[in-house]
Amino acid sequence: MYPLVWMVAGLVASGQISLTAWSDYVRSRAVYAQSTQRRFSRWLQNERVHEHSLYARLIGYALSVWQQERIVLALDTTRLWEQYCIIRIVAVYRGRGIPVVWKVLKHSSSTVAYATYAPLLDAVVEVLPAGVEVLFLADRGFADVELFKHLHRLGWHYRIRVKSNFLVYRGQQGTPISFYPLSTSHALFLHQVKITKARYGLVHLALAHHYPSRERWYVVSDQPTTTETFVEYGLRLDIEENFLDDKSNGFQLESSHIRSAAMLSRLCLVLAVATLYLTSAGTAAVERGERRQVDPHWFRGSSYFKIGWHWIRKALVQGWGLPTTLALKSALDPAPCISSKSQAAQQQPLYFRCTTVDCAISLEQSLSTA
């Protein structure tokens, strides 16, 4: 744990992934910077360091004070240098994603098979608060019948986007989901249908033609769908913000010279601990009414991650005491981030002309008519 603590401290203080830069912030008996650098390198290469076991204790402790009845999880991948793929499940938290579990593999594509990430789903169960309801989100690249079955076994709810060629069965004949006509700003909710050639279900679908993006949205859910389904699925974007915090918007992961899946996985532990600590510190600073000491906006204009980072850096300069606890109490944000009052006023809620069809009832009616 000793090298891990100093690596997190070096990352937060330097703002970059550099073993050499991190050594400047270490207090130890080592005389030469090279000694500290080599110690960090050995730790990243050490196969006896079980990063997931170490992190499970921290994230489990932070989530142990969770006060909401539901927690939202999101699954996604990101690539590094077209050579490695990081698979990650995060807890959605106030506009960001807090890493829960991850896996790094040498893989040039962002698409991964169900069998590759299935163990991560079971690992998440071990750190979640007892009795909490889980809502699971994923993009269309993960839409797989085996995933739906796995989530059902775990007792989790889900909102997963699917591709336009997804087959929908309202009877004996399957129809690609894109065949359902959708005019602009029209939403169609199909309840109690079966999907794919495996005819999995019964599930529920939410289809929409969004304006002004002109995108078509297709989302599968284990619960009856409404316009709220699209709002819930939209929370998945928070994991993309987490990846940005790791990369260009924060820790500069892509500037790392590490080219080993095992070492990158341990490096992800350093990033995850730093993200958890900074977000927790930012939350605490806002709760104490100290946000404007580090955030120049009248209203909260920075993420809790950035507020925490600025607060820690200022605390080091000013000699303030540093936070010593990790706590994620609620994803409900009392002061959502806005860039300006005028832009916030211009934001409009989702609007659709809605049609809901209970396909089980429709099928019974057609059979009785025949």
Protein backbone atom coordinates (compact mmCIF):
# COMPACT_ATOMS: atom_id res chain seq x y z
CA MET A 1 0.00 0.00 0.00
CA TYR A 2 2.91 2.38 0.70
CA PRO A 3 3.96 2.83 -2.97
CA LEU A 4 0.29 3.13 -3.99
CA VAL A 5 -0.29 6.02 -1.60
CA TRP A 6 2.73 7.91 -2.88
CA MET A 7 1.81 7.24 -6.50
CA VAL A 8 -1.67 8.68 -5.92
CA ALA A 9 -0.10 11.67 -4.15
CA GLY A 10 2.33 12.19 -7.03
CA LEU A 11 -0.46 11.93 -9.60
CA VAL A 12 -2.65 14.47 -7.80
CA ALA A 13 0.23 16.88 -7.20
CA SER A 14 1.88 16.65 -10.63
CA GLY A 15 -1.26 16.21 -12.72
CA GLN A 16 0.42 13.75 -15.05
CA ILE A 17 1.34 10.10 -15.36
CA SER A 18 5.10 10.12 -14.94
CA LEU A 19 6.99 7.94 -12.47
CA THR A 20 9.82 10.47 -12.54
CA ALA A 21 7.52 13.41 -11.80
CA TRP A 22 5.81 11.48 -9.00
CA SER A 23 9.12 10.90 -7.23
CA ASP A 24 9.40 14.65 -6.53
CA TYR A 25 6.50 14.40 -4.07
CA VAL A 26 7.70 11.38 -2.10
CA ARG A 27 9.15 11.58 1.40
CA SER A 28 11.35 8.55 2.01
CA ARG A 29 14.85 7.49 2.94
CA ALA A 30 15.76 7.12 -0.74
CA VAL A 31 18.48 9.60 -1.71
CA TYR A 32 18.20 9.34 -5.48
CA ALA A 33 15.07 9.98 -7.54
CA GLN A 34 15.93 6.94 -9.64
CA SER A 35 15.46 4.70 -6.59
CA THR A 36 11.89 5.92 -6.10
CA GLN A 37 11.15 5.68 -9.80
CA ARG A 38 12.35 2.07 -9.89
CA ARG A 39 10.28 1.27 -6.82
CA PHE A 40 7.16 2.52 -8.58
CA SER A 41 8.06 0.54 -11.69
CA ARG A 42 8.57 -2.68 -9.69
CA TRP A 43 5.20 -2.17 -8.00
CA LEU A 44 3.43 -1.84 -11.35
CA GLN A 45 5.15 -5.03 -12.56
CA ASN A 46 4.52 -6.99 -9.36
CA GLU A 47 2.13 -9.88 -10.05
CA ARG A 48 1.46 -10.24 -6.32
CA VAL A 49 -0.28 -6.85 -6.31
CA HIS A 50 -3.96 -7.72 -6.71
CA GLU A 51 -5.37 -4.37 -7.75
CA HIS A 52 -9.01 -5.40 -7.67
CA SER A 53 -8.83 -6.78 -4.13
CA LEU A 54 -7.16 -3.60 -2.91
CA TYR A 55 -9.65 -1.32 -4.60
CA ALA A 56 -12.70 -3.37 -3.58
CA ARG A 57 -12.07 -2.40 0.04
CA LEU A 58 -11.89 1.30 -0.79
CA ILE A 59 -14.90 1.53 -3.10
CA GLY A 60 -16.89 -0.74 -0.80
CA TYR A 61 -16.13 1.57 2.12
CA ALA A 62 -17.06 4.68 0.12
CA LEU A 63 -20.37 3.14 -0.96
CA SER A 64 -21.20 1.80 2.50
CA VAL A 65 -22.80 5.15 3.39
CA TRP A 66 -24.94 5.25 0.23
CA GLN A 67 -28.32 6.76 1.13
CA GLN A 68 -30.38 6.25 -2.04
CA GLU A 69 -32.54 3.24 -2.76
CA ARG A 70 -31.01 2.90 -6.22
CA ILE A 71 -27.52 3.02 -7.66
CA VAL A 72 -26.82 3.43 -11.38
CA LEU A 73 -23.97 1.49 -13.01
CA ALA A 74 -22.59 2.00 -16.52
CA LEU A 75 -20.40 -0.26 -18.65
CA ASP A 76 -18.16 0.94 -21.48
CA THR A 77 -14.74 0.58 -23.06
CA THR A 78 -11.99 2.90 -24.23
CA ARG A 79 -8.90 2.27 -26.32
CA LEU A 80 -5.28 3.27 -25.77
CA TRP A 81 -2.92 3.79 -28.71
CA GLU A 82 -5.02 1.42 -30.85
CA GLN A 83 -3.39 -1.44 -28.91
CA TYR A 84 -5.15 -1.82 -25.56
CA CYS A 85 -8.75 -1.81 -24.44
CA ILE A 86 -9.98 -0.84 -20.97
CA ILE A 87 -13.32 -2.33 -19.95
CA ARG A 88 -14.81 -0.48 -17.01
CA ILE A 89 -17.94 -0.46 -14.88
CA VAL A 90 -18.58 2.76 -12.98
CA ALA A 91 -21.06 4.05 -10.45
CA VAL A 92 -22.79 7.10 -11.92
CA TYR A 93 -22.24 9.97 -9.50
CA ARG A 94 -23.28 13.59 -10.07
CA GLY A 95 -22.23 13.94 -13.68
CA ARG A 96 -19.23 11.64 -13.48
CA GLY A 97 -18.46 7.94 -13.20
CA ILE A 98 -16.59 6.49 -10.22
CA PRO A 99 -14.66 3.35 -11.25
CA VAL A 100 -15.88 0.17 -9.56
CA VAL A 101 -14.15 -2.61 -11.52
CA TRP A 102 -12.14 -2.77 -14.74
CA LYS A 103 -10.13 -5.01 -17.01
CA VAL A 104 -7.29 -4.17 -19.39
CA LEU A 105 -6.48 -6.37 -22.35
CA LYS A 106 -4.35 -6.17 -25.45
CA HIS A 107 -7.10 -5.65 -27.98
CA SER A 108 -7.24 -3.17 -30.84
CA SER A 109 -11.04 -2.89 -30.91
CA SER A 110 -13.46 -1.26 -28.46
CA THR A 111 -15.89 -4.16 -29.03
CA VAL A 112 -15.52 -7.05 -26.59
CA ALA A 113 -17.36 -10.33 -26.15
CA TYR A 114 -19.73 -10.99 -23.27
CA ALA A 115 -17.48 -13.72 -21.86
CA THR A 116 -14.67 -11.17 -21.52
CA TYR A 117 -16.51 -8.78 -19.20
CA ALA A 118 -18.96 -11.18 -17.51
CA PRO A 119 -16.69 -11.73 -14.45
CA LEU A 120 -16.72 -7.96 -13.83
CA LEU A 121 -20.48 -8.05 -13.29
CA ASP A 122 -20.13 -10.60 -10.50
CA ALA A 123 -17.24 -8.65 -8.97
CA VAL A 124 -19.43 -5.54 -8.67
CA VAL A 125 -21.90 -7.42 -6.47
CA GLU A 126 -19.26 -7.82 -3.77
CA VAL A 127 -18.87 -4.06 -3.21
CA LEU A 128 -22.45 -2.80 -3.53
CA PRO A 129 -24.41 -1.75 -0.43
CA ALA A 130 -26.84 -4.40 0.79
CA GLY A 131 -30.41 -4.03 -0.39
CA VAL A 132 -29.76 -1.33 -2.98
CA GLU A 133 -31.61 -1.46 -6.31
CA VAL A 134 -29.30 -1.50 -9.34
CA LEU A 135 -29.94 0.11 -12.72
CA PHE A 136 -27.42 -1.00 -15.35
CA LEU A 137 -26.66 1.02 -18.50
CA ALA A 138 -24.69 0.06 -21.61
CA ASP A 139 -24.33 1.14 -25.22
CA ARG A 140 -25.41 -0.87 -28.27
CA GLY A 141 -22.07 -2.65 -28.58
CA PHE A 142 -22.95 -4.65 -25.46
CA ALA A 143 -26.50 -5.65 -26.41
CA ASP A 144 -26.31 -9.42 -26.02
CA VAL A 145 -28.86 -11.98 -24.88
CA GLU A 146 -26.30 -13.52 -22.52
CA LEU A 147 -25.86 -10.12 -20.87
CA PHE A 148 -29.63 -9.75 -20.46
CA LYS A 149 -29.77 -13.19 -18.83
CA HIS A 150 -26.87 -12.36 -16.53
CA LEU A 151 -28.49 -9.13 -15.38
CA HIS A 152 -31.73 -11.01 -14.75
CA ARG A 153 -29.89 -13.53 -12.57
CA LEU A 154 -28.35 -10.69 -10.58
CA GLY A 155 -31.75 -9.05 -10.14
CA TRP A 156 -30.60 -5.81 -11.79
CA HIS A 157 -32.73 -3.55 -13.95
CA TYR A 158 -31.26 -2.34 -17.23
CA ARG A 159 -31.52 0.20 -20.04
CA ILE A 160 -29.36 -0.87 -22.98
CA ARG A 161 -29.25 0.72 -26.41
CA VAL A 162 -29.60 -1.67 -29.34
CA LYS A 163 -28.75 -1.48 -33.04
CA SER A 164 -31.24 -0.72 -35.78
CA ASN A 165 -31.15 -4.30 -37.11
CA PHE A 166 -32.25 -5.80 -33.78
CA LEU A 167 -35.11 -8.24 -34.36
CA VAL A 168 -38.38 -7.64 -32.52
CA TYR A 169 -41.02 -10.36 -32.19
CA ARG A 170 -44.61 -9.32 -31.51
CA GLY A 171 -45.85 -12.68 -32.76
CA GLN A 172 -44.27 -15.37 -34.91
CA GLN A 173 -42.64 -12.99 -37.37
CA GLY A 174 -39.51 -11.02 -36.44
CA THR A 175 -39.12 -7.43 -37.64
CA PRO A 176 -35.96 -5.27 -37.54
CA ILE A 177 -36.48 -2.48 -35.07
CA SER A 178 -35.68 0.13 -37.73
CA PHE A 179 -38.80 -0.90 -39.67
CA TYR A 180 -41.04 0.81 -37.15
CA PRO A 181 -41.93 4.24 -38.60
CA LEU A 182 -40.89 7.20 -36.47
CA SER A 183 -41.56 10.77 -37.47
CA THR A 184 -39.54 13.61 -35.96
CA SER A 185 -40.10 13.99 -32.19
CA HIS A 186 -42.14 10.78 -32.10
CA ALA A 187 -41.57 8.10 -29.46
CA LEU A 188 -42.96 4.57 -29.63
CA PHE A 189 -43.02 2.31 -26.57
CA LEU A 190 -43.46 -1.41 -27.21
CA HIS A 191 -44.20 -3.42 -24.10
CA GLN A 192 -43.90 -7.19 -23.66
CA VAL A 193 -42.03 -8.20 -26.80
CA LYS A 194 -39.34 -10.75 -27.56
CA ILE A 195 -36.04 -9.83 -29.19
CA THR A 196 -33.27 -11.39 -31.31
CA LYS A 197 -33.41 -14.75 -33.06
CA ALA A 198 -33.24 -16.37 -29.62
CA ARG A 199 -36.62 -14.71 -28.91
CA TYR A 200 -35.49 -13.51 -25.53
CA GLY A 201 -38.10 -11.88 -23.33
CA LEU A 202 -40.49 -10.60 -22.47
CA VAL A 203 -38.82 -7.17 -22.49
CA HIS A 204 -39.84 -3.59 -23.26
CA LEU A 205 -38.59 -1.20 -25.94
CA ALA A 206 -38.34 2.56 -26.24
CA LEU A 207 -37.96 3.93 -29.79
CA ALA A 208 -37.65 7.61 -30.66
CA HIS A 209 -36.64 10.03 -33.42
CA HIS A 210 -34.98 12.83 -31.50
CA TYR A 211 -35.01 16.45 -32.61
CA PRO A 212 -32.75 18.45 -33.05
CA SER A 213 -30.05 15.74 -33.08
CA ARG A 214 -32.07 13.81 -35.72
CA GLU A 215 -30.86 10.60 -34.13
CA ARG A 216 -32.95 7.49 -33.74
CA TRP A 217 -32.83 5.96 -30.29
CA TYR A 218 -33.60 2.30 -29.60
CA VAL A 219 -33.41 1.20 -25.97
CA VAL A 220 -34.32 -2.16 -24.44
CA SER A 221 -35.48 -2.29 -20.82
CA ASP A 222 -36.60 -4.94 -18.38
CA GLN A 223 -39.27 -2.53 -17.11
CA PRO A 224 -42.13 -0.77 -18.97
CA THR A 225 -40.74 2.16 -20.95
CA THR A 226 -41.66 5.86 -20.96
CA THR A 227 -39.84 9.06 -21.89
CA GLU A 228 -38.03 8.68 -18.56
CA THR A 229 -36.29 5.64 -20.09
CA PHE A 230 -34.31 7.95 -22.39
CA VAL A 231 -33.38 10.20 -19.46
CA GLU A 232 -32.13 7.19 -17.50
CA TYR A 233 -30.15 5.87 -20.46
CA GLY A 234 -28.59 9.32 -20.91
CA LEU A 235 -26.80 8.86 -17.58
CA ARG A 236 -24.53 6.43 -19.42
CA LEU A 237 -22.64 9.41 -20.83
CA ASP A 238 -21.14 10.00 -17.38
CA ILE A 239 -18.72 7.11 -17.92
CA GLU A 240 -17.40 8.90 -21.00
CA GLU A 241 -16.65 11.90 -18.78
CA ASN A 242 -14.73 9.56 -16.50
CA PHE A 243 -12.61 8.35 -19.42
CA LEU A 244 -11.96 11.99 -20.37
CA ASP A 245 -10.81 12.68 -16.80
CA ASP A 246 -8.33 9.84 -17.19
CA LYS A 247 -7.15 11.18 -20.53
CA SER A 248 -7.06 14.68 -21.99
CA ASN A 249 -9.22 16.39 -19.36
CA GLY A 250 -7.24 15.20 -16.37
CA PHE A 251 -4.52 12.63 -15.78
CA GLN A 252 -3.17 12.43 -19.36
CA LEU A 253 -3.24 8.62 -19.44
CA GLU A 254 -2.35 8.54 -23.12
CA SER A 255 0.98 10.20 -22.37
CA SER A 256 2.04 7.14 -20.37
CA HIS A 257 4.88 5.06 -21.78
CA ILE A 258 3.60 1.84 -20.19
CA ARG A 259 2.87 -0.88 -22.75
CA SER A 260 1.71 -3.86 -20.72
CA ALA A 261 -1.88 -4.87 -19.98
CA ALA A 262 -1.02 -6.03 -16.46
CA MET A 263 0.88 -2.84 -15.63
CA LEU A 264 -1.86 -0.69 -17.13
CA SER A 265 -4.41 -2.48 -14.96
CA ARG A 266 -2.42 -1.58 -11.84
CA LEU A 267 -2.02 1.94 -13.16
CA CYS A 268 -5.82 2.06 -13.45
CA LEU A 269 -5.90 1.34 -9.72
CA VAL A 270 -3.86 4.51 -9.12
CA LEU A 271 -6.26 6.49 -11.32
CA ALA A 272 -9.33 4.98 -9.66
CA VAL A 273 -8.12 5.76 -6.14
CA ALA A 274 -7.25 9.32 -7.18
CA THR A 275 -10.66 9.78 -8.84
CA LEU A 276 -12.48 8.43 -5.80
CA TYR A 277 -10.47 10.59 -3.40
CA LEU A 278 -10.77 13.81 -5.42
CA THR A 279 -14.49 13.38 -6.05
CA SER A 280 -15.10 12.66 -2.38
CA ALA A 281 -13.03 15.72 -1.43
CA GLY A 282 -14.96 17.88 -3.91
CA THR A 283 -18.28 16.68 -2.53
CA ALA A 284 -17.18 17.46 1.02
CA ALA A 285 -15.94 20.94 0.02
CA VAL A 286 -19.29 21.79 -1.58
CA GLU A 287 -21.19 20.49 1.45
CA ARG A 288 -19.08 22.72 3.72
CA GLY A 289 -19.84 25.76 1.53
CA GLU A 290 -16.22 26.11 0.40
CA ARG A 291 -16.75 25.61 -3.33
CA ARG A 292 -16.12 29.23 -4.31
CA GLN A 293 -12.68 29.14 -2.71
CA VAL A 294 -11.55 27.04 -5.68
CA ASP A 295 -14.34 27.42 -8.28
CA PRO A 296 -14.57 30.96 -9.78
CA HIS A 297 -18.14 30.49 -11.06
CA TRP A 298 -21.17 31.99 -9.28
CA PHE A 299 -22.88 28.66 -9.79
CA ARG A 300 -21.06 25.35 -9.78
CA GLY A 301 -19.21 25.34 -13.08
CA SER A 302 -16.78 22.49 -12.42
CA SER A 303 -17.25 18.81 -11.71
CA TYR A 304 -16.84 17.51 -8.17
CA PHE A 305 -13.72 15.77 -9.46
CA LYS A 306 -12.17 19.10 -10.55
CA ILE A 307 -13.36 20.95 -7.45
CA GLY A 308 -11.74 18.29 -5.28
CA TRP A 309 -8.53 18.46 -7.28
CA HIS A 310 -8.30 22.25 -7.01
CA TRP A 311 -9.20 22.11 -3.33
CA ILE A 312 -6.47 19.55 -2.53
CA ARG A 313 -3.85 21.56 -4.39
CA LYS A 314 -4.85 24.75 -2.60
CA ALA A 315 -4.89 22.94 0.72
CA LEU A 316 -1.29 21.85 0.16
CA VAL A 317 -0.26 25.45 -0.51
CA GLN A 318 -2.30 26.99 2.31
CA GLY A 319 -1.45 24.31 4.85
CA TRP A 320 -5.05 23.20 5.33
CA GLY A 321 -5.88 19.76 6.66
CA LEU A 322 -6.53 17.14 3.99
CA PRO A 323 -9.65 14.95 3.85
CA THR A 324 -9.12 11.56 5.44
CA THR A 325 -12.42 9.83 4.58
CA LEU A 326 -14.05 8.48 1.44
CA ALA A 327 -17.81 8.82 1.18
CA LEU A 328 -20.28 8.64 -1.70
CA LYS A 329 -23.66 9.24 -0.11
CA SER A 330 -26.01 10.04 -2.97
CA ALA A 331 -25.99 10.59 -6.72
CA LEU A 332 -28.62 13.32 -6.29
CA ASP A 333 -26.85 16.61 -7.00
CA PRO A 334 -28.09 19.55 -4.88
CA ALA A 335 -26.28 22.02 -7.16
CA PRO A 336 -25.99 20.66 -10.74
CA CYS A 337 -23.12 21.97 -12.83
CA ILE A 338 -24.05 24.74 -15.31
CA SER A 339 -21.80 26.77 -17.57
CA SER A 340 -24.02 29.87 -17.31
CA LYS A 341 -27.54 30.90 -16.23
CA SER A 342 -28.52 31.79 -19.80
CA GLN A 343 -27.48 28.41 -21.19
CA ALA A 344 -29.21 26.62 -18.33
CA ALA A 345 -32.41 28.56 -19.07
CA GLN A 346 -32.24 27.52 -22.73
CA GLN A 347 -32.09 23.80 -21.95
CA GLN A 348 -35.38 22.14 -22.72
CA PRO A 349 -36.66 18.84 -21.33
CA LEU A 350 -37.16 15.94 -23.74
CA TYR A 351 -40.37 16.27 -25.68
CA PHE A 352 -41.96 13.51 -27.75
CA ARG A 353 -45.36 12.68 -29.15
CA CYS A 354 -45.76 9.30 -27.52
CA THR A 355 -47.45 6.08 -28.55
CA THR A 356 -47.53 3.09 -26.20
CA VAL A 357 -48.42 -0.40 -27.40
CA ASP A 358 -48.85 -3.38 -25.09
CA CYS A 359 -47.96 -6.11 -27.54
CA ALA A 360 -49.29 -8.93 -25.36
CA ILE A 361 -52.75 -7.36 -25.36
CA SER A 362 -52.54 -6.53 -29.09
CA LEU A 363 -51.64 -10.15 -29.87
CA GLU A 364 -54.51 -11.51 -27.78
CA GLN A 365 -56.95 -9.18 -29.56
CA SER A 366 -55.72 -10.22 -33.01
CA LEU A 367 -56.00 -13.92 -32.09
CA SER A 368 -59.54 -13.50 -30.76
CA THR A 369 -60.53 -11.60 -33.92
CA ALA A 370 -59.13 -14.36 -36.11
